[in-house]
Every structure is written in structure tokens, then in C-alpha cells.
Amino acid sequence: MLGGEQSGHIEAVGFEMYTGMLEEAVSKLKGEEHVEHPATQLSLGIALRIDESYIAEENQRLRMYKRIAGAQTEGALADVASELEDRYGPVPRESAASARCGTIAH
């Protein structure tokens, strides 16, 4: 669970960037080499969110956002969509848009 300070950081820089920064910091602490990937930003002008009525627990929603953002192939995104349906039931149209846009981003 995130505290107020971490939540504020996420709002300031965005979830994907925050998790990337966090992963980079953990890698540095472990002494692992960090490989820089080119950053891409895609503005579609649509809301991409997993509705609270679909996944009520915030930590689980954040976990699924991270899984979608981290999927590098269409197969990996299909696995995430399959997991969503298996764990939470049929994916609402609005939430499915997040996974489809993950395909576009990668």
C-alpha cells in the first residue's frame, strides 16, 4: 500500500515513469546494470483506466497497470487480458481499452 507521499509522487510523474524510476533505483542498490530504453509517449485523448467497479482494490489495479505497461509483446498483453478475465470476470470495454493501447505502445 502506498503512503500519501508516494501517491503524490505518482501523480506528479505518472505511474509508468514512477515505477520505472523505482525499478532503476532498486537495480542500482542491487549493483545491477540498468539498460536505458527509449521513452515513448502516446497521447490518444481517451481515458485509459481500470474502473474501481471492476477491480476494487487499488493495489491490484496498480499491479495490473504495471503488467500492461510492462508487456513487451502482443502475446504478453493477451496473457494479461486472460488473467484479468480469469480473476475478475469479463473485462469491461473501458478497461479493455487499456490493454489494447498497451499493444499500440509496444
N, C-alpha and C. Protein backbone atom coordinates (compact mmCIF):
# COMPACT_ATOMS: atom_id res chain seq x y z
N MET A 1 0.84 -1.17 0.00
CA MET A 1 0.00 0.00 0.00
C MET A 1 0.89 1.24 0.00
N LEU A 2 0.52 2.20 -0.79
CA LEU A 2 1.32 3.42 -0.91
C LEU A 2 0.90 4.44 0.13
N GLY A 3 1.89 5.14 0.68
CA GLY A 3 1.60 6.23 1.59
C GLY A 3 1.27 7.49 0.81
N GLY A 4 0.85 8.52 1.50
CA GLY A 4 0.49 9.77 0.86
C GLY A 4 1.61 10.38 0.05
N GLU A 5 2.84 10.27 0.54
CA GLU A 5 3.98 10.86 -0.17
C GLU A 5 4.22 10.14 -1.50
N GLN A 6 4.19 8.77 -1.48
CA GLN A 6 4.41 8.03 -2.70
C GLN A 6 3.28 8.30 -3.70
N SER A 7 2.08 8.35 -3.21
CA SER A 7 0.93 8.61 -4.08
C SER A 7 1.08 9.97 -4.76
N GLY A 8 1.56 10.97 -4.01
CA GLY A 8 1.79 12.29 -4.58
C GLY A 8 2.86 12.26 -5.66
N HIS A 9 3.91 11.45 -5.44
CA HIS A 9 4.97 11.32 -6.44
C HIS A 9 4.41 10.70 -7.72
N ILE A 10 3.56 9.69 -7.57
CA ILE A 10 2.98 9.03 -8.74
C ILE A 10 2.16 10.03 -9.53
N GLU A 11 1.36 10.84 -8.85
CA GLU A 11 0.55 11.83 -9.55
C GLU A 11 1.43 12.84 -10.29
N ALA A 12 2.54 13.18 -9.70
CA ALA A 12 3.41 14.20 -10.29
C ALA A 12 4.11 13.71 -11.55
N VAL A 13 4.57 12.47 -11.56
CA VAL A 13 5.37 11.99 -12.69
C VAL A 13 4.66 10.95 -13.55
N GLY A 14 3.54 10.43 -13.10
CA GLY A 14 2.83 9.39 -13.83
C GLY A 14 3.26 8.02 -13.34
N PHE A 15 2.31 7.08 -13.39
CA PHE A 15 2.55 5.75 -12.84
C PHE A 15 3.69 5.02 -13.54
N GLU A 16 3.70 5.02 -14.85
CA GLU A 16 4.72 4.26 -15.59
C GLU A 16 6.12 4.81 -15.31
N MET A 17 6.26 6.12 -15.33
CA MET A 17 7.57 6.71 -15.06
C MET A 17 7.99 6.43 -13.62
N TYR A 18 7.04 6.54 -12.68
CA TYR A 18 7.35 6.29 -11.27
C TYR A 18 7.85 4.87 -11.07
N THR A 19 7.14 3.89 -11.67
CA THR A 19 7.58 2.50 -11.49
C THR A 19 8.93 2.27 -12.15
N GLY A 20 9.18 2.93 -13.28
CA GLY A 20 10.49 2.82 -13.93
C GLY A 20 11.59 3.39 -13.06
N MET A 21 11.32 4.54 -12.47
CA MET A 21 12.31 5.16 -11.58
C MET A 21 12.57 4.27 -10.37
N LEU A 22 11.51 3.69 -9.84
CA LEU A 22 11.63 2.81 -8.68
C LEU A 22 12.44 1.56 -9.02
N GLU A 23 12.15 0.96 -10.18
CA GLU A 23 12.91 -0.22 -10.61
C GLU A 23 14.38 0.12 -10.83
N GLU A 24 14.66 1.28 -11.41
CA GLU A 24 16.04 1.70 -11.64
C GLU A 24 16.77 1.88 -10.31
N ALA A 25 16.11 2.50 -9.34
CA ALA A 25 16.74 2.71 -8.03
C ALA A 25 17.04 1.38 -7.34
N VAL A 26 16.11 0.44 -7.43
CA VAL A 26 16.32 -0.88 -6.82
C VAL A 26 17.47 -1.60 -7.51
N SER A 27 17.53 -1.51 -8.85
CA SER A 27 18.63 -2.14 -9.59
C SER A 27 19.98 -1.57 -9.18
N LYS A 28 20.05 -0.24 -9.01
CA LYS A 28 21.30 0.39 -8.59
C LYS A 28 21.71 -0.09 -7.21
N LEU A 29 20.73 -0.20 -6.29
CA LEU A 29 21.04 -0.67 -4.94
C LEU A 29 21.54 -2.12 -4.96
N LYS A 30 21.05 -2.92 -5.90
CA LYS A 30 21.50 -4.31 -6.03
C LYS A 30 22.81 -4.42 -6.79
N GLY A 31 23.28 -3.32 -7.36
CA GLY A 31 24.50 -3.33 -8.14
C GLY A 31 24.31 -3.86 -9.55
N GLU A 32 23.07 -3.91 -10.01
CA GLU A 32 22.79 -4.40 -11.36
C GLU A 32 22.92 -3.26 -12.36
N GLU A 33 23.30 -3.62 -13.58
CA GLU A 33 23.42 -2.63 -14.65
C GLU A 33 22.03 -2.31 -15.18
N HIS A 34 21.77 -1.04 -15.39
CA HIS A 34 20.47 -0.61 -15.91
C HIS A 34 20.61 -0.29 -17.40
N VAL A 35 19.76 -0.92 -18.20
CA VAL A 35 19.76 -0.68 -19.64
C VAL A 35 18.69 0.35 -19.94
N GLU A 36 19.10 1.43 -20.57
CA GLU A 36 18.17 2.52 -20.91
C GLU A 36 17.38 2.17 -22.16
N HIS A 37 16.07 2.26 -22.08
CA HIS A 37 15.20 2.04 -23.23
C HIS A 37 14.65 3.39 -23.67
N PRO A 38 14.51 3.60 -24.98
CA PRO A 38 13.97 4.88 -25.43
C PRO A 38 12.55 5.08 -24.91
N ALA A 39 12.27 6.28 -24.47
CA ALA A 39 10.94 6.59 -23.94
C ALA A 39 10.01 6.98 -25.07
N THR A 40 8.80 6.47 -24.99
CA THR A 40 7.77 6.85 -25.95
C THR A 40 6.56 7.35 -25.19
N GLN A 41 5.89 8.28 -25.80
CA GLN A 41 4.68 8.80 -25.20
C GLN A 41 3.63 8.86 -26.29
N LEU A 42 2.46 8.37 -25.95
CA LEU A 42 1.38 8.30 -26.91
C LEU A 42 0.16 8.97 -26.30
N SER A 43 -0.31 10.04 -26.92
CA SER A 43 -1.49 10.75 -26.42
C SER A 43 -2.66 10.47 -27.35
N LEU A 44 -3.62 9.69 -26.85
CA LEU A 44 -4.77 9.32 -27.66
C LEU A 44 -6.01 10.15 -27.36
N GLY A 45 -5.97 10.89 -26.27
CA GLY A 45 -7.11 11.71 -25.92
C GLY A 45 -8.29 10.91 -25.37
N ILE A 46 -8.02 9.71 -24.84
CA ILE A 46 -9.07 8.90 -24.24
C ILE A 46 -8.62 8.47 -22.85
N ALA A 47 -9.60 8.21 -22.00
CA ALA A 47 -9.29 7.77 -20.64
C ALA A 47 -8.92 6.30 -20.66
N LEU A 48 -7.78 5.97 -20.12
CA LEU A 48 -7.33 4.58 -20.04
C LEU A 48 -7.20 4.22 -18.57
N ARG A 49 -8.23 3.60 -18.07
CA ARG A 49 -8.21 3.25 -16.66
C ARG A 49 -8.96 1.97 -16.42
N ILE A 50 -8.59 1.31 -15.36
CA ILE A 50 -9.32 0.13 -14.90
C ILE A 50 -10.27 0.63 -13.83
N ASP A 51 -11.54 0.51 -14.09
CA ASP A 51 -12.56 1.06 -13.20
C ASP A 51 -12.57 0.35 -11.84
N GLU A 52 -12.84 1.12 -10.80
CA GLU A 52 -12.92 0.58 -9.44
C GLU A 52 -14.01 -0.47 -9.31
N SER A 53 -15.05 -0.37 -10.13
CA SER A 53 -16.12 -1.37 -10.06
C SER A 53 -15.66 -2.72 -10.62
N TYR A 54 -14.59 -2.72 -11.40
CA TYR A 54 -14.06 -3.97 -11.95
C TYR A 54 -13.02 -4.58 -11.01
N ILE A 55 -12.05 -3.78 -10.57
CA ILE A 55 -11.05 -4.21 -9.59
C ILE A 55 -11.11 -3.21 -8.44
N ALA A 56 -11.75 -3.61 -7.36
CA ALA A 56 -12.00 -2.68 -6.26
C ALA A 56 -10.72 -2.29 -5.51
N GLU A 57 -9.81 -3.23 -5.33
CA GLU A 57 -8.62 -2.96 -4.53
C GLU A 57 -7.58 -2.19 -5.33
N GLU A 58 -7.17 -1.03 -4.80
CA GLU A 58 -6.24 -0.15 -5.50
C GLU A 58 -4.91 -0.83 -5.82
N ASN A 59 -4.36 -1.59 -4.88
CA ASN A 59 -3.08 -2.24 -5.12
C ASN A 59 -3.16 -3.22 -6.29
N GLN A 60 -4.28 -3.92 -6.41
CA GLN A 60 -4.44 -4.85 -7.52
C GLN A 60 -4.57 -4.11 -8.85
N ARG A 61 -5.28 -2.97 -8.84
CA ARG A 61 -5.37 -2.16 -10.07
C ARG A 61 -3.99 -1.67 -10.48
N LEU A 62 -3.21 -1.18 -9.52
CA LEU A 62 -1.86 -0.69 -9.82
C LEU A 62 -1.00 -1.83 -10.37
N ARG A 63 -1.14 -3.02 -9.80
CA ARG A 63 -0.39 -4.17 -10.28
C ARG A 63 -0.75 -4.47 -11.74
N MET A 64 -2.03 -4.40 -12.07
CA MET A 64 -2.44 -4.68 -13.44
C MET A 64 -1.98 -3.58 -14.40
N TYR A 65 -2.02 -2.33 -13.96
CA TYR A 65 -1.48 -1.24 -14.80
C TYR A 65 -0.01 -1.52 -15.11
N LYS A 66 0.73 -1.94 -14.09
CA LYS A 66 2.15 -2.21 -14.28
C LYS A 66 2.35 -3.38 -15.23
N ARG A 67 1.53 -4.42 -15.11
CA ARG A 67 1.63 -5.57 -16.01
C ARG A 67 1.37 -5.15 -17.45
N ILE A 68 0.34 -4.32 -17.65
CA ILE A 68 0.00 -3.85 -19.00
C ILE A 68 1.16 -3.01 -19.56
N ALA A 69 1.66 -2.09 -18.73
CA ALA A 69 2.73 -1.20 -19.19
C ALA A 69 4.02 -1.97 -19.48
N GLY A 70 4.25 -3.05 -18.76
CA GLY A 70 5.49 -3.81 -18.92
C GLY A 70 5.45 -4.87 -19.99
N ALA A 71 4.26 -5.16 -20.52
CA ALA A 71 4.15 -6.20 -21.54
C ALA A 71 4.86 -5.74 -22.81
N GLN A 72 5.77 -6.54 -23.30
CA GLN A 72 6.59 -6.17 -24.45
C GLN A 72 6.09 -6.74 -25.77
N THR A 73 5.16 -7.69 -25.70
CA THR A 73 4.66 -8.32 -26.92
C THR A 73 3.14 -8.42 -26.86
N GLU A 74 2.54 -8.65 -28.02
CA GLU A 74 1.08 -8.85 -28.05
C GLU A 74 0.70 -10.09 -27.26
N GLY A 75 1.55 -11.11 -27.29
CA GLY A 75 1.30 -12.33 -26.52
C GLY A 75 1.27 -12.05 -25.02
N ALA A 76 2.20 -11.22 -24.56
CA ALA A 76 2.24 -10.86 -23.14
C ALA A 76 1.00 -10.07 -22.75
N LEU A 77 0.55 -9.17 -23.64
CA LEU A 77 -0.67 -8.41 -23.36
C LEU A 77 -1.88 -9.33 -23.36
N ALA A 78 -1.90 -10.31 -24.24
CA ALA A 78 -3.01 -11.28 -24.26
C ALA A 78 -3.02 -12.08 -22.95
N ASP A 79 -1.84 -12.40 -22.43
CA ASP A 79 -1.76 -13.09 -21.14
C ASP A 79 -2.35 -12.25 -20.02
N VAL A 80 -2.06 -10.94 -20.03
CA VAL A 80 -2.60 -10.04 -19.01
C VAL A 80 -4.12 -9.98 -19.13
N ALA A 81 -4.62 -9.85 -20.36
CA ALA A 81 -6.07 -9.80 -20.58
C ALA A 81 -6.73 -11.09 -20.10
N SER A 82 -6.08 -12.22 -20.35
CA SER A 82 -6.60 -13.51 -19.92
C SER A 82 -6.63 -13.60 -18.40
N GLU A 83 -5.57 -13.10 -17.77
CA GLU A 83 -5.52 -13.10 -16.30
C GLU A 83 -6.62 -12.22 -15.72
N LEU A 84 -6.81 -11.05 -16.33
CA LEU A 84 -7.89 -10.16 -15.86
C LEU A 84 -9.24 -10.88 -15.91
N GLU A 85 -9.52 -11.51 -17.03
CA GLU A 85 -10.81 -12.18 -17.18
C GLU A 85 -10.94 -13.36 -16.22
N ASP A 86 -9.85 -14.09 -16.05
CA ASP A 86 -9.87 -15.24 -15.15
C ASP A 86 -10.10 -14.82 -13.70
N ARG A 87 -9.44 -13.74 -13.28
CA ARG A 87 -9.52 -13.32 -11.87
C ARG A 87 -10.73 -12.46 -11.54
N TYR A 88 -11.16 -11.62 -12.52
CA TYR A 88 -12.18 -10.61 -12.20
C TYR A 88 -13.43 -10.71 -13.06
N GLY A 89 -13.47 -11.63 -14.00
CA GLY A 89 -14.63 -11.77 -14.88
C GLY A 89 -14.43 -11.01 -16.19
N PRO A 90 -15.47 -10.98 -17.01
CA PRO A 90 -15.36 -10.31 -18.31
C PRO A 90 -14.85 -8.87 -18.16
N VAL A 91 -13.90 -8.51 -19.00
CA VAL A 91 -13.28 -7.19 -18.92
C VAL A 91 -14.22 -6.14 -19.52
N PRO A 92 -14.58 -5.12 -18.72
CA PRO A 92 -15.43 -4.05 -19.26
C PRO A 92 -14.74 -3.35 -20.43
N ARG A 93 -15.53 -2.82 -21.33
CA ARG A 93 -15.00 -2.18 -22.54
C ARG A 93 -13.98 -1.09 -22.19
N GLU A 94 -14.28 -0.28 -21.18
CA GLU A 94 -13.38 0.82 -20.82
C GLU A 94 -12.02 0.29 -20.35
N SER A 95 -12.04 -0.79 -19.58
CA SER A 95 -10.79 -1.36 -19.08
C SER A 95 -10.03 -2.08 -20.18
N ALA A 96 -10.75 -2.68 -21.11
CA ALA A 96 -10.10 -3.38 -22.22
C ALA A 96 -9.31 -2.40 -23.08
N ALA A 97 -9.74 -1.14 -23.12
CA ALA A 97 -9.02 -0.12 -23.90
C ALA A 97 -7.59 0.03 -23.40
N SER A 98 -7.36 -0.11 -22.10
CA SER A 98 -6.00 -0.01 -21.56
C SER A 98 -5.08 -1.06 -22.16
N ALA A 99 -5.58 -2.29 -22.24
CA ALA A 99 -4.77 -3.38 -22.81
C ALA A 99 -4.55 -3.18 -24.31
N ARG A 100 -5.60 -2.73 -25.02
CA ARG A 100 -5.44 -2.51 -26.46
C ARG A 100 -4.43 -1.40 -26.72
N CYS A 101 -4.43 -0.37 -25.89
CA CYS A 101 -3.48 0.73 -26.08
C CYS A 101 -2.08 0.30 -25.69
N GLY A 102 -1.97 -0.67 -24.80
CA GLY A 102 -0.67 -1.24 -24.48
C GLY A 102 -0.07 -1.90 -25.71
N THR A 103 -0.90 -2.49 -26.55
CA THR A 103 -0.43 -3.11 -27.78
C THR A 103 0.11 -2.03 -28.71
N ILE A 104 -0.56 -0.91 -28.79
CA ILE A 104 -0.13 0.19 -29.66
C ILE A 104 1.21 0.75 -29.17
N ALA A 105 1.35 0.88 -27.86
CA ALA A 105 2.56 1.49 -27.30
C ALA A 105 3.79 0.64 -27.56
N HIS A 106 3.63 -0.65 -27.64
CA HIS A 106 4.79 -1.53 -27.83
C HIS A 106 4.83 -1.97 -29.28
